[in-house]
Amino acid sequence: ENTRAAYPIAHIPSAMREGVCGHPKNVVMLTCDAFGVMPPLARLTPA
């Protein structure tokens, strides 16, 4: 199931080749909840 593709990031047309940017405005933590409990999106405090 773990088939993989390894390619230079330049293969992605929208990639920024320099690989650097400023500080983030948003942090998104992803989960795949198979129990159907978590909402599709929630806003988090720093804690």
All heavy atoms as atom14 arrays in JSON, in Angstrom:
{
  "sequence": "ENTRAAYPIAHIPSAMREGVCGHPKNVVMLTCDAFGVMPPLARLTPA",
  "atom14_mask": [
    [1, 1, 1, 1, 1, 1, 1, 1, 1, 0, 0, 0, 0, 0],
    [1, 1, 1, 1, 1, 1, 1, 1, 0, 0, 0, 0, 0, 0],
    [1, 1, 1, 1, 1, 1, 1, 0, 0, 0, 0, 0, 0, 0],
    [1, 1, 1, 1, 1, 1, 1, 1, 1, 1, 1, 0, 0, 0],
    [1, 1, 1, 1, 1, 0, 0, 0, 0, 0, 0, 0, 0, 0],
    [1, 1, 1, 1, 1, 0, 0, 0, 0, 0, 0, 0, 0, 0],
    [1, 1, 1, 1, 1, 1, 1, 1, 1, 1, 1, 1, 0, 0],
    [1, 1, 1, 1, 1, 1, 1, 0, 0, 0, 0, 0, 0, 0],
    [1, 1, 1, 1, 1, 1, 1, 1, 0, 0, 0, 0, 0, 0],
    [1, 1, 1, 1, 1, 0, 0, 0, 0, 0, 0, 0, 0, 0],
    [1, 1, 1, 1, 1, 1, 1, 1, 1, 1, 0, 0, 0, 0],
    [1, 1, 1, 1, 1, 1, 1, 1, 0, 0, 0, 0, 0, 0],
    [1, 1, 1, 1, 1, 1, 1, 0, 0, 0, 0, 0, 0, 0],
    [1, 1, 1, 1, 1, 1, 0, 0, 0, 0, 0, 0, 0, 0],
    [1, 1, 1, 1, 1, 0, 0, 0, 0, 0, 0, 0, 0, 0],
    [1, 1, 1, 1, 1, 1, 1, 1, 0, 0, 0, 0, 0, 0],
    [1, 1, 1, 1, 1, 1, 1, 1, 1, 1, 1, 0, 0, 0],
    [1, 1, 1, 1, 1, 1, 1, 1, 1, 0, 0, 0, 0, 0],
    [1, 1, 1, 1, 0, 0, 0, 0, 0, 0, 0, 0, 0, 0],
    [1, 1, 1, 1, 1, 1, 1, 0, 0, 0, 0, 0, 0, 0],
    [1, 1, 1, 1, 1, 1, 0, 0, 0, 0, 0, 0, 0, 0],
    [1, 1, 1, 1, 0, 0, 0, 0, 0, 0, 0, 0, 0, 0],
    [1, 1, 1, 1, 1, 1, 1, 1, 1, 1, 0, 0, 0, 0],
    [1, 1, 1, 1, 1, 1, 1, 0, 0, 0, 0, 0, 0, 0],
    [1, 1, 1, 1, 1, 1, 1, 1, 1, 0, 0, 0, 0, 0],
    [1, 1, 1, 1, 1, 1, 1, 1, 0, 0, 0, 0, 0, 0],
    [1, 1, 1, 1, 1, 1, 1, 0, 0, 0, 0, 0, 0, 0],
    [1, 1, 1, 1, 1, 1, 1, 0, 0, 0, 0, 0, 0, 0],
    [1, 1, 1, 1, 1, 1, 1, 1, 0, 0, 0, 0, 0, 0],
    [1, 1, 1, 1, 1, 1, 1, 1, 0, 0, 0, 0, 0, 0],
    [1, 1, 1, 1, 1, 1, 1, 0, 0, 0, 0, 0, 0, 0],
    [1, 1, 1, 1, 1, 1, 0, 0, 0, 0, 0, 0, 0, 0],
    [1, 1, 1, 1, 1, 1, 1, 1, 0, 0, 0, 0, 0, 0],
    [1, 1, 1, 1, 1, 0, 0, 0, 0, 0, 0, 0, 0, 0],
    [1, 1, 1, 1, 1, 1, 1, 1, 1, 1, 1, 0, 0, 0],
    [1, 1, 1, 1, 0, 0, 0, 0, 0, 0, 0, 0, 0, 0],
    [1, 1, 1, 1, 1, 1, 1, 0, 0, 0, 0, 0, 0, 0],
    [1, 1, 1, 1, 1, 1, 1, 1, 0, 0, 0, 0, 0, 0],
    [1, 1, 1, 1, 1, 1, 1, 0, 0, 0, 0, 0, 0, 0],
    [1, 1, 1, 1, 1, 1, 1, 0, 0, 0, 0, 0, 0, 0],
    [1, 1, 1, 1, 1, 1, 1, 1, 0, 0, 0, 0, 0, 0],
    [1, 1, 1, 1, 1, 0, 0, 0, 0, 0, 0, 0, 0, 0],
    [1, 1, 1, 1, 1, 1, 1, 1, 1, 1, 1, 0, 0, 0],
    [1, 1, 1, 1, 1, 1, 1, 1, 0, 0, 0, 0, 0, 0],
    [1, 1, 1, 1, 1, 1, 1, 0, 0, 0, 0, 0, 0, 0],
    [1, 1, 1, 1, 1, 1, 1, 0, 0, 0, 0, 0, 0, 0],
    [1, 1, 1, 1, 1, 0, 0, 0, 0, 0, 0, 0, 0, 0]
  ],
  "atom14_positions": [
    [[0.85, -1.21, 0.0], [0.0, 0.0, 0.0], [0.87, 1.25, 0.0], [0.43, 2.33, -0.35], [-0.89, 0.01, 1.25], [-2.13, -0.85, 1.17], [-3.28, -0.13, 0.49], [-3.37, 1.1, 0.61], [-4.09, -0.8, -0.17], [0.0, 0.0, 0.0], [0.0, 0.0, 0.0], [0.0, 0.0, 0.0], [0.0, 0.0, 0.0], [0.0, 0.0, 0.0]],
    [[2.13, 1.07, 0.39], [3.03, 2.21, 0.58], [3.87, 2.48, -0.67], [5.09, 2.59, -0.6], [3.93, 1.95, 1.79], [4.72, 3.18, 2.2], [4.23, 4.3, 2.12], [5.95, 2.97, 2.63], [0.0, 0.0, 0.0], [0.0, 0.0, 0.0], [0.0, 0.0, 0.0], [0.0, 0.0, 0.0], [0.0, 0.0, 0.0], [0.0, 0.0, 0.0]],
    [[3.22, 2.56, -1.83], [3.95, 2.92, -3.04], [4.33, 4.4, -2.97], [3.57, 5.23, -2.46], [3.11, 2.66, -4.3], [1.88, 3.38, -4.21], [2.81, 1.18, -4.45], [0.0, 0.0, 0.0], [0.0, 0.0, 0.0], [0.0, 0.0, 0.0], [0.0, 0.0, 0.0], [0.0, 0.0, 0.0], [0.0, 0.0, 0.0], [0.0, 0.0, 0.0]],
    [[5.5, 4.74, -3.48], [6.03, 6.09, -3.29], [6.62, 6.67, -4.57], [7.11, 5.94, -5.44], [7.14, 6.07, -2.24], [6.67, 5.72, -0.83], [6.19, 6.94, -0.09], [5.65, 6.63, 1.22], [5.33, 7.56, 2.11], [5.51, 8.84, 1.82], [4.82, 7.22, 3.27], [0.0, 0.0, 0.0], [0.0, 0.0, 0.0], [0.0, 0.0, 0.0]],
    [[6.6, 8.0, -4.65], [7.27, 8.72, -5.72], [8.24, 9.71, -5.09], [7.85, 10.49, -4.2], [6.27, 9.46, -6.59], [0.0, 0.0, 0.0], [0.0, 0.0, 0.0], [0.0, 0.0, 0.0], [0.0, 0.0, 0.0], [0.0, 0.0, 0.0], [0.0, 0.0, 0.0], [0.0, 0.0, 0.0], [0.0, 0.0, 0.0], [0.0, 0.0, 0.0]],
    [[9.49, 9.68, -5.51], [10.51, 10.62, -5.03], [10.92, 11.5, -6.2], [11.41, 11.01, -7.21], [11.71, 9.86, -4.49], [0.0, 0.0, 0.0], [0.0, 0.0, 0.0], [0.0, 0.0, 0.0], [0.0, 0.0, 0.0], [0.0, 0.0, 0.0], [0.0, 0.0, 0.0], [0.0, 0.0, 0.0], [0.0, 0.0, 0.0], [0.0, 0.0, 0.0]],
    [[10.7, 12.81, -6.06], [10.96, 13.71, -7.18], [11.45, 15.06, -6.67], [11.15, 15.47, -5.53], [9.69, 13.91, -8.02], [8.45, 14.23, -7.22], [8.12, 15.55, -6.9], [7.59, 13.23, -6.77], [6.98, 15.85, -6.17], [6.46, 13.51, -6.03], [6.16, 14.82, -5.74], [5.03, 15.11, -5.0], [0.0, 0.0, 0.0], [0.0, 0.0, 0.0]],
    [[12.23, 15.79, -7.47], [12.66, 17.13, -7.07], [11.47, 18.06, -6.99], [10.51, 17.93, -7.76], [13.63, 17.54, -8.19], [13.3, 16.67, -9.34], [12.77, 15.39, -8.78], [0.0, 0.0, 0.0], [0.0, 0.0, 0.0], [0.0, 0.0, 0.0], [0.0, 0.0, 0.0], [0.0, 0.0, 0.0], [0.0, 0.0, 0.0], [0.0, 0.0, 0.0]],
    [[11.5, 18.99, -6.06], [10.36, 19.87, -5.85], [10.08, 20.74, -7.08], [8.96, 21.22, -7.27], [10.56, 20.73, -4.58], [9.21, 21.27, -4.09], [11.58, 21.83, -4.82], [9.24, 21.85, -2.69], [0.0, 0.0, 0.0], [0.0, 0.0, 0.0], [0.0, 0.0, 0.0], [0.0, 0.0, 0.0], [0.0, 0.0, 0.0], [0.0, 0.0, 0.0]],
    [[11.09, 20.89, -7.93], [10.88, 21.66, -9.17], [9.86, 21.01, -10.08], [9.34, 21.66, -10.99], [12.22, 21.83, -9.9], [0.0, 0.0, 0.0], [0.0, 0.0, 0.0], [0.0, 0.0, 0.0], [0.0, 0.0, 0.0], [0.0, 0.0, 0.0], [0.0, 0.0, 0.0], [0.0, 0.0, 0.0], [0.0, 0.0, 0.0], [0.0, 0.0, 0.0]],
    [[9.54, 19.73, -9.86], [8.5, 19.06, -10.66], [7.11, 19.61, -10.36], [6.18, 19.41, -11.14], [8.51, 17.55, -10.37], [9.54, 16.78, -11.15], [10.54, 17.38, -11.87], [9.72, 15.44, -11.31], [11.29, 16.46, -12.45], [10.82, 15.27, -12.13], [0.0, 0.0, 0.0], [0.0, 0.0, 0.0], [0.0, 0.0, 0.0], [0.0, 0.0, 0.0]],
    [[6.95, 20.27, -9.2], [5.66, 20.87, -8.84], [5.63, 22.29, -9.38], [6.43, 23.14, -8.97], [5.48, 20.9, -7.3], [5.48, 19.49, -6.74], [4.21, 21.63, -6.92], [4.22, 18.71, -6.92], [0.0, 0.0, 0.0], [0.0, 0.0, 0.0], [0.0, 0.0, 0.0], [0.0, 0.0, 0.0], [0.0, 0.0, 0.0], [0.0, 0.0, 0.0]],
    [[4.73, 22.61, -10.33], [4.74, 23.94, -10.95], [4.58, 25.08, -9.95], [5.14, 26.16, -10.14], [3.53, 23.89, -11.9], [3.32, 22.44, -12.17], [3.71, 21.72, -10.93], [0.0, 0.0, 0.0], [0.0, 0.0, 0.0], [0.0, 0.0, 0.0], [0.0, 0.0, 0.0], [0.0, 0.0, 0.0], [0.0, 0.0, 0.0], [0.0, 0.0, 0.0]],
    [[3.83, 24.84, -8.87], [3.57, 25.92, -7.91], [4.61, 26.0, -6.8], [4.48, 26.79, -5.87], [2.18, 25.73, -7.27], [2.13, 24.5, -6.55], [0.0, 0.0, 0.0], [0.0, 0.0, 0.0], [0.0, 0.0, 0.0], [0.0, 0.0, 0.0], [0.0, 0.0, 0.0], [0.0, 0.0, 0.0], [0.0, 0.0, 0.0], [0.0, 0.0, 0.0]],
    [[5.66, 25.18, -6.9], [6.66, 25.15, -5.83], [7.56, 26.37, -5.87], [7.91, 26.89, -6.94], [7.51, 23.89, -5.94], [0.0, 0.0, 0.0], [0.0, 0.0, 0.0], [0.0, 0.0, 0.0], [0.0, 0.0, 0.0], [0.0, 0.0, 0.0], [0.0, 0.0, 0.0], [0.0, 0.0, 0.0], [0.0, 0.0, 0.0], [0.0, 0.0, 0.0]],
    [[7.94, 26.84, -4.69], [8.91, 27.93, -4.57], [10.28, 27.3, -4.33], [10.57, 26.77, -3.26], [8.52, 28.84, -3.39], [9.39, 30.08, -3.27], [8.86, 31.14, -1.87], [7.28, 31.74, -2.48], [0.0, 0.0, 0.0], [0.0, 0.0, 0.0], [0.0, 0.0, 0.0], [0.0, 0.0, 0.0], [0.0, 0.0, 0.0], [0.0, 0.0, 0.0]],
    [[11.11, 27.33, -5.35], [12.37, 26.58, -5.3], [13.31, 27.06, -4.21], [14.14, 26.29, -3.72], [13.07, 26.67, -6.66], [12.27, 26.04, -7.79], [13.09, 25.9, -9.04], [12.3, 25.43, -10.16], [12.81, 25.01, -11.31], [14.12, 25.02, -11.48], [12.04, 24.6, -12.29], [0.0, 0.0, 0.0], [0.0, 0.0, 0.0], [0.0, 0.0, 0.0]],
    [[13.2, 28.34, -3.81], [14.08, 28.84, -2.76], [13.86, 28.12, -1.44], [14.76, 28.01, -0.61], [13.88, 30.34, -2.56], [14.22, 31.19, -3.78], [13.07, 31.25, -4.79], [12.03, 30.58, -4.54], [13.22, 31.94, -5.8], [0.0, 0.0, 0.0], [0.0, 0.0, 0.0], [0.0, 0.0, 0.0], [0.0, 0.0, 0.0], [0.0, 0.0, 0.0]],
    [[12.62, 27.64, -1.22], [12.33, 26.84, -0.04], [12.32, 27.6, 1.27], [12.45, 27.0, 2.34], [0.0, 0.0, 0.0], [0.0, 0.0, 0.0], [0.0, 0.0, 0.0], [0.0, 0.0, 0.0], [0.0, 0.0, 0.0], [0.0, 0.0, 0.0], [0.0, 0.0, 0.0], [0.0, 0.0, 0.0], [0.0, 0.0, 0.0], [0.0, 0.0, 0.0]],
    [[12.16, 28.92, 1.22], [12.1, 29.73, 2.44], [10.95, 30.73, 2.34], [10.57, 31.14, 1.24], [13.43, 30.48, 2.71], [14.57, 29.51, 2.94], [13.76, 31.42, 1.56], [0.0, 0.0, 0.0], [0.0, 0.0, 0.0], [0.0, 0.0, 0.0], [0.0, 0.0, 0.0], [0.0, 0.0, 0.0], [0.0, 0.0, 0.0], [0.0, 0.0, 0.0]],
    [[10.4, 31.11, 3.48], [9.37, 32.14, 3.51], [9.32, 32.73, 4.92], [10.1, 32.35, 5.79], [8.0, 31.57, 3.12], [7.36, 30.33, 4.24], [0.0, 0.0, 0.0], [0.0, 0.0, 0.0], [0.0, 0.0, 0.0], [0.0, 0.0, 0.0], [0.0, 0.0, 0.0], [0.0, 0.0, 0.0], [0.0, 0.0, 0.0], [0.0, 0.0, 0.0]],
    [[8.4, 33.65, 5.15], [8.31, 34.31, 6.45], [7.61, 33.44, 7.49], [7.37, 32.25, 7.29], [0.0, 0.0, 0.0], [0.0, 0.0, 0.0], [0.0, 0.0, 0.0], [0.0, 0.0, 0.0], [0.0, 0.0, 0.0], [0.0, 0.0, 0.0], [0.0, 0.0, 0.0], [0.0, 0.0, 0.0], [0.0, 0.0, 0.0], [0.0, 0.0, 0.0]],
    [[7.27, 34.05, 8.59], [6.59, 33.34, 9.67], [5.16, 33.0, 9.26], [4.53, 33.73, 8.5], [6.59, 34.19, 10.94], [7.95, 34.5, 11.46], [8.74, 33.56, 12.09], [8.69, 35.65, 11.42], [9.89, 34.12, 12.43], [9.89, 35.38, 12.04], [0.0, 0.0, 0.0], [0.0, 0.0, 0.0], [0.0, 0.0, 0.0], [0.0, 0.0, 0.0]],
    [[4.62, 31.89, 9.77], [3.27, 31.49, 9.36], [2.2, 32.38, 9.98], [2.35, 32.9, 11.09], [3.15, 30.06, 9.88], [4.08, 30.01, 11.06], [5.23, 30.9, 10.69], [0.0, 0.0, 0.0], [0.0, 0.0, 0.0], [0.0, 0.0, 0.0], [0.0, 0.0, 0.0], [0.0, 0.0, 0.0], [0.0, 0.0, 0.0], [0.0, 0.0, 0.0]],
    [[1.11, 32.52, 9.25], [-0.08, 33.18, 9.77], [-1.03, 32.15, 10.36], [-1.81, 32.44, 11.27], [-0.78, 33.95, 8.64], [-2.0, 34.74, 9.08], [-2.61, 35.49, 7.9], [-3.87, 36.24, 8.33], [-4.49, 36.96, 7.17], [0.0, 0.0, 0.0], [0.0, 0.0, 0.0], [0.0, 0.0, 0.0], [0.0, 0.0, 0.0], [0.0, 0.0, 0.0]],
    [[-0.95, 30.91, 9.83], [-1.82, 29.83, 10.29], [-1.04, 28.53, 10.46], [-0.13, 28.24, 9.68], [-2.95, 29.58, 9.28], [-3.95, 30.72, 9.22], [-4.87, 30.79, 10.03], [-3.76, 31.63, 8.26], [0.0, 0.0, 0.0], [0.0, 0.0, 0.0], [0.0, 0.0, 0.0], [0.0, 0.0, 0.0], [0.0, 0.0, 0.0], [0.0, 0.0, 0.0]],
    [[-1.43, 27.76, 11.47], [-0.93, 26.39, 11.68], [-2.14, 25.47, 11.67], [-3.1, 25.7, 12.42], [-0.17, 26.25, 13.0], [-0.01, 24.79, 13.38], [1.2, 26.92, 12.92], [0.0, 0.0, 0.0], [0.0, 0.0, 0.0], [0.0, 0.0, 0.0], [0.0, 0.0, 0.0], [0.0, 0.0, 0.0], [0.0, 0.0, 0.0], [0.0, 0.0, 0.0]],
    [[-2.11, 24.46, 10.81], [-3.22, 23.51, 10.68], [-2.71, 22.13, 11.09], [-1.74, 21.62, 10.51], [-3.76, 23.46, 9.24], [-4.95, 22.51, 9.15], [-4.16, 24.86, 8.77], [0.0, 0.0, 0.0], [0.0, 0.0, 0.0], [0.0, 0.0, 0.0], [0.0, 0.0, 0.0], [0.0, 0.0, 0.0], [0.0, 0.0, 0.0], [0.0, 0.0, 0.0]],
    [[-3.36, 21.54, 12.09], [-3.01, 20.19, 12.52], [-4.05, 19.22, 11.96], [-5.25, 19.38, 12.21], [-2.97, 20.1, 14.05], [-1.92, 21.02, 14.65], [-1.79, 20.87, 16.45], [-0.65, 22.23, 16.77], [0.0, 0.0, 0.0], [0.0, 0.0, 0.0], [0.0, 0.0, 0.0], [0.0, 0.0, 0.0], [0.0, 0.0, 0.0], [0.0, 0.0, 0.0]],
    [[-3.58, 18.25, 11.19], [-4.48, 17.34, 10.49], [-4.64, 16.04, 11.25], [-3.67, 15.49, 11.8], [-3.93, 17.03, 9.09], [-3.68, 18.22, 8.17], [-2.94, 17.77, 6.93], [-4.98, 18.88, 7.8], [0.0, 0.0, 0.0], [0.0, 0.0, 0.0], [0.0, 0.0, 0.0], [0.0, 0.0, 0.0], [0.0, 0.0, 0.0], [0.0, 0.0, 0.0]],
    [[-5.86, 15.53, 11.26], [-6.12, 14.2, 11.8], [-7.09, 13.5, 10.87], [-7.89, 14.14, 10.19], [-6.71, 14.28, 13.22], [-6.89, 12.96, 13.72], [-8.04, 14.99, 13.24], [0.0, 0.0, 0.0], [0.0, 0.0, 0.0], [0.0, 0.0, 0.0], [0.0, 0.0, 0.0], [0.0, 0.0, 0.0], [0.0, 0.0, 0.0], [0.0, 0.0, 0.0]],
    [[-6.98, 12.19, 10.82], [-7.96, 11.38, 10.09], [-8.7, 10.55, 11.13], [-8.26, 9.47, 11.5], [-7.26, 10.49, 9.06], [-8.39, 9.37, 8.19], [0.0, 0.0, 0.0], [0.0, 0.0, 0.0], [0.0, 0.0, 0.0], [0.0, 0.0, 0.0], [0.0, 0.0, 0.0], [0.0, 0.0, 0.0], [0.0, 0.0, 0.0], [0.0, 0.0, 0.0]],
    [[-9.81, 11.11, 11.64], [-10.56, 10.46, 12.72], [-11.51, 9.43, 12.15], [-12.52, 9.78, 11.53], [-11.32, 11.52, 13.53], [-12.16, 10.9, 14.63], [-11.8, 9.79, 15.07], [-13.17, 11.5, 15.02], [0.0, 0.0, 0.0], [0.0, 0.0, 0.0], [0.0, 0.0, 0.0], [0.0, 0.0, 0.0], [0.0, 0.0, 0.0], [0.0, 0.0, 0.0]],
    [[-11.2, 8.17, 12.34], [-12.04, 7.09, 11.8], [-13.24, 6.77, 12.68], [-14.07, 5.95, 12.3], [-11.19, 5.83, 11.61], [0.0, 0.0, 0.0], [0.0, 0.0, 0.0], [0.0, 0.0, 0.0], [0.0, 0.0, 0.0], [0.0, 0.0, 0.0], [0.0, 0.0, 0.0], [0.0, 0.0, 0.0], [0.0, 0.0, 0.0], [0.0, 0.0, 0.0]],
    [[-13.34, 7.42, 13.83], [-14.47, 7.19, 14.72], [-15.63, 8.13, 14.44], [-16.73, 7.96, 14.98], [-14.05, 7.35, 16.19], [-12.95, 6.41, 16.6], [-11.64, 6.84, 16.66], [-13.23, 5.08, 16.9], [-10.62, 5.98, 17.02], [-12.22, 4.21, 17.27], [-10.9, 4.66, 17.32], [0.0, 0.0, 0.0], [0.0, 0.0, 0.0], [0.0, 0.0, 0.0]],
    [[-15.4, 9.15, 13.59], [-16.46, 10.09, 13.25], [-16.8, 11.05, 14.37], [-17.89, 11.63, 14.39], [0.0, 0.0, 0.0], [0.0, 0.0, 0.0], [0.0, 0.0, 0.0], [0.0, 0.0, 0.0], [0.0, 0.0, 0.0], [0.0, 0.0, 0.0], [0.0, 0.0, 0.0], [0.0, 0.0, 0.0], [0.0, 0.0, 0.0], [0.0, 0.0, 0.0]],
    [[-15.87, 11.28, 15.3], [-16.12, 12.11, 16.47], [-15.66, 13.55, 16.26], [-16.38, 14.51, 16.6], [-15.42, 11.5, 17.71], [-15.46, 12.48, 18.89], [-16.07, 10.18, 18.08], [0.0, 0.0, 0.0], [0.0, 0.0, 0.0], [0.0, 0.0, 0.0], [0.0, 0.0, 0.0], [0.0, 0.0, 0.0], [0.0, 0.0, 0.0], [0.0, 0.0, 0.0]],
    [[-14.48, 13.73, 15.74], [-13.9, 15.06, 15.57], [-14.68, 15.87, 14.53], [-15.06, 15.33, 13.48], [-12.44, 14.96, 15.14], [-11.52, 14.46, 16.23], [-11.2, 15.76, 17.42], [-9.85, 15.03, 18.34], [0.0, 0.0, 0.0], [0.0, 0.0, 0.0], [0.0, 0.0, 0.0], [0.0, 0.0, 0.0], [0.0, 0.0, 0.0], [0.0, 0.0, 0.0]],
    [[-14.88, 17.17, 14.76], [-15.51, 18.0, 13.73], [-14.55, 18.19, 12.56], [-13.33, 18.04, 12.72], [-15.76, 19.32, 14.46], [-14.71, 19.37, 15.53], [-14.52, 17.95, 15.96], [0.0, 0.0, 0.0], [0.0, 0.0, 0.0], [0.0, 0.0, 0.0], [0.0, 0.0, 0.0], [0.0, 0.0, 0.0], [0.0, 0.0, 0.0], [0.0, 0.0, 0.0]],
    [[-15.06, 18.52, 11.38], [-14.17, 18.74, 10.24], [-13.16, 19.87, 10.47], [-12.08, 19.84, 9.89], [-15.14, 19.09, 9.1], [-16.41, 18.4, 9.48], [-16.48, 18.51, 10.98], [0.0, 0.0, 0.0], [0.0, 0.0, 0.0], [0.0, 0.0, 0.0], [0.0, 0.0, 0.0], [0.0, 0.0, 0.0], [0.0, 0.0, 0.0], [0.0, 0.0, 0.0]],
    [[-13.52, 20.84, 11.32], [-12.58, 21.93, 11.61], [-12.86, 22.49, 13.0], [-14.02, 22.64, 13.39], [-12.69, 23.05, 10.57], [-11.65, 24.18, 10.71], [-10.26, 23.69, 10.32], [-12.03, 25.4, 9.88], [0.0, 0.0, 0.0], [0.0, 0.0, 0.0], [0.0, 0.0, 0.0], [0.0, 0.0, 0.0], [0.0, 0.0, 0.0], [0.0, 0.0, 0.0]],
    [[-11.79, 22.81, 13.73], [-11.92, 23.46, 15.03], [-10.82, 24.5, 15.18], [-9.72, 24.33, 14.63], [-11.84, 22.44, 16.16], [0.0, 0.0, 0.0], [0.0, 0.0, 0.0], [0.0, 0.0, 0.0], [0.0, 0.0, 0.0], [0.0, 0.0, 0.0], [0.0, 0.0, 0.0], [0.0, 0.0, 0.0], [0.0, 0.0, 0.0], [0.0, 0.0, 0.0]],
    [[-11.12, 25.56, 15.91], [-10.13, 26.61, 16.18], [-9.52, 26.36, 17.55], [-10.23, 26.09, 18.52], [-10.78, 27.99, 16.12], [-9.82, 29.15, 16.27], [-10.47, 30.47, 15.89], [-11.59, 30.82, 16.79], [-12.35, 31.9, 16.63], [-12.14, 32.69, 15.58], [-13.33, 32.16, 17.47], [0.0, 0.0, 0.0], [0.0, 0.0, 0.0], [0.0, 0.0, 0.0]],
    [[-8.18, 26.47, 17.64], [-7.47, 26.12, 18.86], [-6.83, 27.34, 19.52], [-6.31, 28.22, 18.83], [-6.36, 25.09, 18.57], [-6.75, 23.81, 17.85], [-5.51, 22.96, 17.58], [-7.78, 23.01, 18.65], [0.0, 0.0, 0.0], [0.0, 0.0, 0.0], [0.0, 0.0, 0.0], [0.0, 0.0, 0.0], [0.0, 0.0, 0.0], [0.0, 0.0, 0.0]],
    [[-6.83, 27.37, 20.84], [-6.04, 28.34, 21.58], [-4.58, 27.87, 21.57], [-4.31, 26.7, 21.25], [-6.51, 28.43, 23.04], [-6.27, 27.16, 23.69], [-8.01, 28.76, 23.11], [0.0, 0.0, 0.0], [0.0, 0.0, 0.0], [0.0, 0.0, 0.0], [0.0, 0.0, 0.0], [0.0, 0.0, 0.0], [0.0, 0.0, 0.0], [0.0, 0.0, 0.0]],
    [[-3.61, 28.73, 21.94], [-2.22, 28.25, 22.0], [-2.03, 27.05, 22.92], [-1.26, 26.14, 22.6], [-1.47, 29.49, 22.52], [-2.27, 30.64, 22.0], [-3.7, 30.2, 22.1], [0.0, 0.0, 0.0], [0.0, 0.0, 0.0], [0.0, 0.0, 0.0], [0.0, 0.0, 0.0], [0.0, 0.0, 0.0], [0.0, 0.0, 0.0], [0.0, 0.0, 0.0]],
    [[-2.75, 27.01, 24.05], [-2.63, 25.86, 24.95], [-3.19, 24.6, 24.3], [-2.61, 23.51, 24.41], [-3.36, 26.14, 26.27], [0.0, 0.0, 0.0], [0.0, 0.0, 0.0], [0.0, 0.0, 0.0], [0.0, 0.0, 0.0], [0.0, 0.0, 0.0], [0.0, 0.0, 0.0], [0.0, 0.0, 0.0], [0.0, 0.0, 0.0], [0.0, 0.0, 0.0]]
  ]
}
